[in-house]
Amino acid sequence: MDKSGEVTRPPEAVDFLGVPIARLTAKEFISWFCEELERRAKADPCLRPLFVTYLNAACSNLAEKNKQYCETLRSADLVYADGQAIVWASKFLGDPLPERVNAADFFPEFCAAVAQRGWSLYLVGSPEGVAAAAAGTFQQLVPHLRVSGTHHGYFDLEDQRVVEAVRASGADILVVGMGVPRQELWAKRHLEAFGVKAVWCVGAMFEYFAGYRARAPRWMRRAGLEWLFRLVLEPRRLWRRYVIGNTVFIFRVLRARFWSQREK
């Protein structure tokens, strides 16, 4: 965001069913994120923090129903395509995104870029002890990475103590993994109170690096079948999200394609 209060976006963004999604790869994401923080520091250190989050099929469905969440996504500095379904749908709708950008696939590389610049992270999210375990994994992978603190994600969102802990830590980047839309609404509400340079929402990522939750094999992720792997592991919790949710998402994409062709 510049001094006039306008949100800074990457050079190109795709309007995906009402939410602007950055047209970039995972490698470009890391470069943009770091360069944008450096640019802001030179332009005006008092600018409000960079706000970054993601969109997948379930998020897209929720954004259509939840106005506050949708507005929060639209106000973010960058929203990236976390789900392969978003990438496929963007191609079907004639405005293709280059690839799926999933934090768990490249977070160690991001940590290396952060450590190189001397920045520190604060992790908030997941059950008790999970964020701390994930932080340990990140520091094993990137020995010079500084983690200023961690906190679980099961707290009253009106409780200011977590916000105060983040601010007191002196961290540069807050990484939030509390699920949608809880993480975005909390991050946006306290964005300027955290005292950080950036806030990045990452969903369940900590749980994978902490060994708390299994992740789909690489071939399934590349084939866009990670949702099926998760459904098999947790059918009771996820059947509605994937069986019903995916059907709703496909219908919405088909409807958008129909209306776009009709308007031509």
Protein backbone atom coordinates (compact mmCIF):
# COMPACT_ATOMS: atom_id res chain seq x y z
CA MET A 1 0.00 0.00 0.00
CA ASP A 2 1.36 3.43 -0.87
CA LYS A 3 0.97 6.67 1.09
CA SER A 4 -2.33 7.39 -0.58
CA GLY A 5 -3.74 4.25 1.02
CA GLU A 6 -4.01 2.21 -2.18
CA VAL A 7 -3.32 -1.50 -2.00
CA THR A 8 -0.21 -2.63 -3.88
CA ARG A 9 -0.77 -5.65 -6.11
CA PRO A 10 1.53 -7.75 -8.28
CA PRO A 11 1.78 -6.65 -11.93
CA GLU A 12 -1.04 -8.98 -13.00
CA ALA A 13 -4.08 -10.35 -11.22
CA VAL A 14 -6.90 -12.59 -12.44
CA ASP A 15 -10.44 -11.76 -11.32
CA PHE A 16 -11.54 -15.22 -10.25
CA LEU A 17 -15.25 -15.26 -9.40
CA GLY A 18 -14.94 -11.91 -7.67
CA VAL A 19 -11.56 -12.40 -5.98
CA PRO A 20 -8.34 -11.03 -7.54
CA ILE A 21 -5.68 -13.76 -7.69
CA ALA A 22 -2.05 -13.05 -8.49
CA ARG A 23 -0.74 -14.55 -11.70
CA LEU A 24 2.59 -15.84 -10.41
CA THR A 25 4.58 -19.00 -9.64
CA ALA A 26 5.84 -20.12 -6.24
CA LYS A 27 9.35 -18.85 -7.08
CA GLU A 28 7.94 -15.50 -8.14
CA PHE A 29 5.90 -15.35 -4.94
CA ILE A 30 9.02 -15.53 -2.77
CA SER A 31 10.76 -12.86 -4.82
CA TRP A 32 7.74 -10.57 -4.82
CA PHE A 33 7.13 -10.97 -1.09
CA CYS A 34 10.70 -10.12 -0.09
CA GLU A 35 11.14 -7.35 -2.64
CA GLU A 36 7.85 -5.77 -1.64
CA LEU A 37 8.88 -5.68 2.04
CA GLU A 38 12.19 -4.09 1.09
CA ARG A 39 10.44 -1.57 -1.18
CA ARG A 40 8.02 -0.59 1.57
CA ALA A 41 10.81 -0.18 4.11
CA LYS A 42 12.56 2.28 1.79
CA ALA A 43 9.35 4.11 0.83
CA ASP A 44 7.87 4.51 4.29
CA PRO A 45 8.59 2.27 7.33
CA CYS A 46 5.25 3.35 8.80
CA LEU A 47 3.12 1.69 6.11
CA ARG A 48 0.69 -0.89 7.43
CA PRO A 49 1.87 -4.53 7.16
CA LEU A 50 1.70 -6.48 3.94
CA PHE A 51 -1.32 -8.82 4.05
CA VAL A 52 -1.13 -12.07 2.06
CA THR A 53 -3.47 -15.06 1.88
CA TYR A 54 -4.73 -17.73 -0.53
CA LEU A 55 -7.74 -19.12 -2.38
CA ASN A 56 -8.79 -22.70 -3.05
CA ALA A 57 -12.15 -24.15 -4.11
CA ALA A 58 -13.52 -24.28 -0.56
CA CYS A 59 -12.37 -20.70 0.09
CA SER A 60 -14.02 -19.56 -3.12
CA ASN A 61 -17.32 -21.17 -2.13
CA LEU A 62 -17.14 -19.55 1.30
CA ALA A 63 -16.32 -16.14 -0.16
CA GLU A 64 -19.54 -16.25 -2.19
CA LYS A 65 -21.58 -16.75 1.01
CA ASN A 66 -19.56 -14.78 3.55
CA LYS A 67 -19.44 -11.10 2.59
CA GLN A 68 -16.98 -10.12 5.34
CA TYR A 69 -14.54 -12.85 4.30
CA CYS A 70 -14.89 -11.89 0.63
CA GLU A 71 -14.19 -8.24 1.39
CA THR A 72 -11.17 -9.28 3.47
CA LEU A 73 -9.78 -11.27 0.54
CA ARG A 74 -10.35 -8.37 -1.81
CA SER A 75 -8.52 -6.02 0.55
CA ALA A 76 -5.42 -8.25 0.76
CA ASP A 77 -2.22 -7.14 -0.95
CA LEU A 78 -1.91 -10.54 -2.59
CA VAL A 79 -4.12 -13.63 -2.90
CA TYR A 80 -2.55 -16.67 -4.55
CA ALA A 81 -4.03 -19.87 -6.03
CA ASP A 82 -3.54 -22.49 -3.34
CA GLY A 83 -5.77 -25.14 -4.98
CA GLN A 84 -5.16 -26.97 -8.24
CA ALA A 85 -8.89 -26.64 -8.93
CA ILE A 86 -8.46 -22.86 -9.06
CA VAL A 87 -5.69 -23.22 -11.66
CA TRP A 88 -7.75 -25.60 -13.81
CA ALA A 89 -10.85 -23.42 -13.50
CA SER A 90 -8.90 -20.28 -14.46
CA LYS A 91 -7.84 -21.99 -17.69
CA PHE A 92 -11.41 -23.10 -18.38
CA LEU A 93 -12.59 -19.54 -17.86
CA GLY A 94 -10.01 -18.22 -20.31
CA ASP A 95 -7.74 -16.34 -17.89
CA PRO A 96 -5.12 -18.95 -16.90
CA LEU A 97 -2.98 -18.94 -13.79
CA PRO A 98 0.51 -20.49 -14.21
CA GLU A 99 0.53 -22.97 -11.33
CA ARG A 100 -0.68 -23.91 -7.89
CA VAL A 101 1.12 -21.91 -5.20
CA ASN A 102 0.92 -23.92 -1.98
CA ALA A 103 2.87 -22.66 1.05
CA ALA A 104 3.79 -26.16 2.24
CA ASP A 105 5.57 -26.84 -1.06
CA PHE A 106 8.06 -23.98 -0.77
CA PHE A 107 8.07 -22.67 2.80
CA PRO A 108 11.65 -23.87 3.51
CA GLU A 109 12.83 -21.85 0.49
CA PHE A 110 10.89 -18.88 1.80
CA CYS A 111 12.55 -19.32 5.21
CA ALA A 112 15.97 -19.30 3.52
CA ALA A 113 15.14 -15.98 1.84
CA VAL A 114 13.90 -14.59 5.17
CA ALA A 115 17.03 -15.74 7.04
CA GLN A 116 19.27 -14.24 4.37
CA ARG A 117 17.71 -10.84 5.04
CA GLY A 118 17.92 -11.19 8.82
CA TRP A 119 14.15 -11.15 9.32
CA SER A 120 12.35 -13.18 11.98
CA LEU A 121 9.08 -15.11 12.05
CA TYR A 122 6.29 -15.52 14.60
CA LEU A 123 3.97 -18.51 14.12
CA VAL A 124 0.36 -18.56 15.34
CA GLY A 125 -1.99 -21.46 14.73
CA SER A 126 -2.86 -25.16 15.08
CA PRO A 127 -3.28 -27.08 18.38
CA GLU A 128 -0.98 -26.57 21.36
CA GLY A 129 2.65 -27.35 20.56
CA VAL A 130 2.22 -27.80 16.80
CA ALA A 131 3.47 -24.34 15.76
CA ALA A 132 6.48 -24.75 18.06
CA ALA A 133 7.27 -28.16 16.53
CA ALA A 134 6.94 -26.71 13.02
CA ALA A 135 9.28 -23.86 14.01
CA GLY A 136 11.82 -26.46 15.11
CA THR A 137 11.59 -28.16 11.72
CA PHE A 138 12.06 -24.86 9.88
CA GLN A 139 15.14 -24.06 11.96
CA GLN A 140 16.61 -27.50 11.27
CA LEU A 141 16.14 -26.94 7.56
CA VAL A 142 17.38 -23.33 7.73
CA PRO A 143 19.80 -23.11 10.70
CA HIS A 144 20.10 -19.30 10.65
CA LEU A 145 16.36 -18.70 10.63
CA ARG A 146 15.14 -16.65 13.59
CA VAL A 147 11.76 -17.52 15.12
CA SER A 148 10.70 -14.88 17.64
CA GLY A 149 7.86 -16.92 19.10
CA THR A 150 4.95 -19.30 18.57
CA HIS A 151 1.38 -19.64 19.87
CA HIS A 152 -1.42 -22.13 19.30
CA GLY A 153 -4.49 -21.06 17.38
CA TYR A 154 -7.15 -22.02 19.90
CA PHE A 155 -7.84 -18.76 21.67
CA ASP A 156 -10.65 -16.24 21.90
CA LEU A 157 -10.26 -13.87 18.98
CA GLU A 158 -11.18 -10.99 21.27
CA ASP A 159 -8.22 -11.82 23.54
CA GLN A 160 -5.56 -9.17 23.00
CA ARG A 161 -2.78 -11.14 24.69
CA VAL A 162 -1.73 -12.97 21.52
CA VAL A 163 -1.63 -9.70 19.59
CA GLU A 164 0.46 -8.15 22.36
CA ALA A 165 2.81 -11.16 22.43
CA VAL A 166 3.45 -10.84 18.69
CA ARG A 167 4.13 -7.12 19.04
CA ALA A 168 6.44 -7.59 22.02
CA SER A 169 8.44 -10.27 20.18
CA GLY A 170 9.75 -7.80 17.60
CA ALA A 171 9.08 -10.29 14.80
CA ASP A 172 9.17 -9.09 11.20
CA ILE A 173 6.69 -11.55 9.68
CA LEU A 174 3.63 -13.12 11.31
CA VAL A 175 2.57 -16.46 9.82
CA VAL A 176 -1.00 -17.44 10.75
CA GLY A 177 -2.40 -20.96 10.40
CA MET A 178 -5.87 -21.05 11.94
CA GLY A 179 -8.11 -22.03 9.04
CA VAL A 180 -10.52 -20.06 6.88
CA PRO A 181 -12.02 -17.54 7.51
CA ARG A 182 -10.88 -17.30 11.14
CA GLN A 183 -7.25 -16.57 10.25
CA GLU A 184 -8.03 -13.85 7.69
CA LEU A 185 -10.60 -12.05 9.82
CA TRP A 186 -8.32 -12.07 12.87
CA ALA A 187 -5.27 -10.98 10.88
CA LYS A 188 -7.11 -8.16 9.15
CA ARG A 189 -8.70 -6.90 12.38
CA HIS A 190 -5.35 -6.54 14.15
CA LEU A 191 -3.12 -5.92 11.14
CA GLU A 192 -1.56 -2.70 12.37
CA ALA A 193 -1.48 -3.73 16.04
CA PHE A 194 0.90 -6.69 15.45
CA GLY A 195 3.91 -4.42 14.86
CA VAL A 196 5.21 -6.63 12.02
CA LYS A 197 6.17 -5.96 8.41
CA ALA A 198 3.88 -8.66 6.96
CA VAL A 199 1.13 -11.11 7.85
CA TRP A 200 0.76 -14.30 5.82
CA CYS A 201 -2.15 -16.76 6.30
CA VAL A 202 -1.18 -20.37 5.53
CA GLY A 203 -3.99 -22.65 6.76
CA ALA A 204 -2.91 -26.09 8.06
CA MET A 205 0.72 -25.81 6.94
CA PHE A 206 2.26 -26.03 10.45
CA GLU A 207 0.61 -29.42 10.98
CA TYR A 208 2.45 -30.95 8.03
CA PHE A 209 5.89 -29.75 9.09
CA ALA A 210 5.25 -30.74 12.71
CA GLY A 211 4.32 -34.30 11.70
CA TYR A 212 0.87 -33.76 13.21
CA ARG A 213 -0.93 -34.47 9.93
CA ALA A 214 0.13 -36.58 6.95
CA ARG A 215 0.43 -34.94 3.56
CA ALA A 216 -0.45 -36.47 0.21
CA PRO A 217 2.40 -37.95 -1.88
CA ARG A 218 3.97 -35.58 -4.37
CA TRP A 219 2.39 -37.34 -7.37
CA MET A 220 -1.09 -36.85 -5.92
CA ARG A 221 -0.39 -33.18 -5.27
CA ARG A 222 0.85 -32.71 -8.85
CA ALA A 223 -2.24 -34.49 -10.17
CA GLY A 224 -4.55 -32.27 -8.14
CA LEU A 225 -5.67 -35.16 -5.92
CA GLU A 226 -4.53 -33.94 -2.52
CA TRP A 227 -8.19 -33.34 -1.61
CA LEU A 228 -8.92 -37.05 -2.20
CA PHE A 229 -6.02 -38.09 0.06
CA ARG A 230 -7.34 -35.85 2.84
CA LEU A 231 -10.90 -37.10 2.34
CA VAL A 232 -9.79 -40.73 2.71
CA LEU A 233 -7.94 -39.88 5.94
CA GLU A 234 -10.75 -37.80 7.46
CA PRO A 235 -14.04 -38.69 5.74
CA ARG A 236 -16.31 -37.63 8.62
CA ARG A 237 -14.79 -34.17 8.87
CA LEU A 238 -14.19 -33.45 5.21
CA TRP A 239 -16.89 -35.20 3.16
CA ARG A 240 -19.13 -32.13 3.06
CA ARG A 241 -16.25 -29.85 2.09
CA TYR A 242 -15.06 -32.02 -0.79
CA VAL A 243 -18.03 -34.07 -2.01
CA ILE A 244 -20.60 -31.30 -1.79
CA GLY A 245 -18.17 -28.37 -1.94
CA ASN A 246 -16.41 -29.53 -5.11
CA THR A 247 -19.76 -30.04 -6.83
CA VAL A 248 -20.84 -26.53 -5.87
CA PHE A 249 -17.52 -25.13 -7.09
CA ILE A 250 -17.83 -26.85 -10.48
CA PHE A 251 -21.37 -25.49 -10.86
CA ARG A 252 -20.20 -21.95 -10.08
CA VAL A 253 -17.38 -22.20 -12.63
CA LEU A 254 -19.72 -23.56 -15.31
CA ARG A 255 -22.18 -20.78 -14.56
CA ALA A 256 -19.46 -18.15 -14.86
CA ARG A 257 -18.33 -19.64 -18.21
CA PHE A 258 -21.92 -19.62 -19.49
CA TRP A 259 -22.50 -15.96 -18.60
CA SER A 260 -19.14 -14.84 -19.95
CA GLN A 261 -19.84 -16.49 -23.31
CA ARG A 262 -23.36 -15.08 -23.39
CA GLU A 263 -22.05 -11.55 -22.89
CA LYS A 264 -19.67 -11.83 -25.87
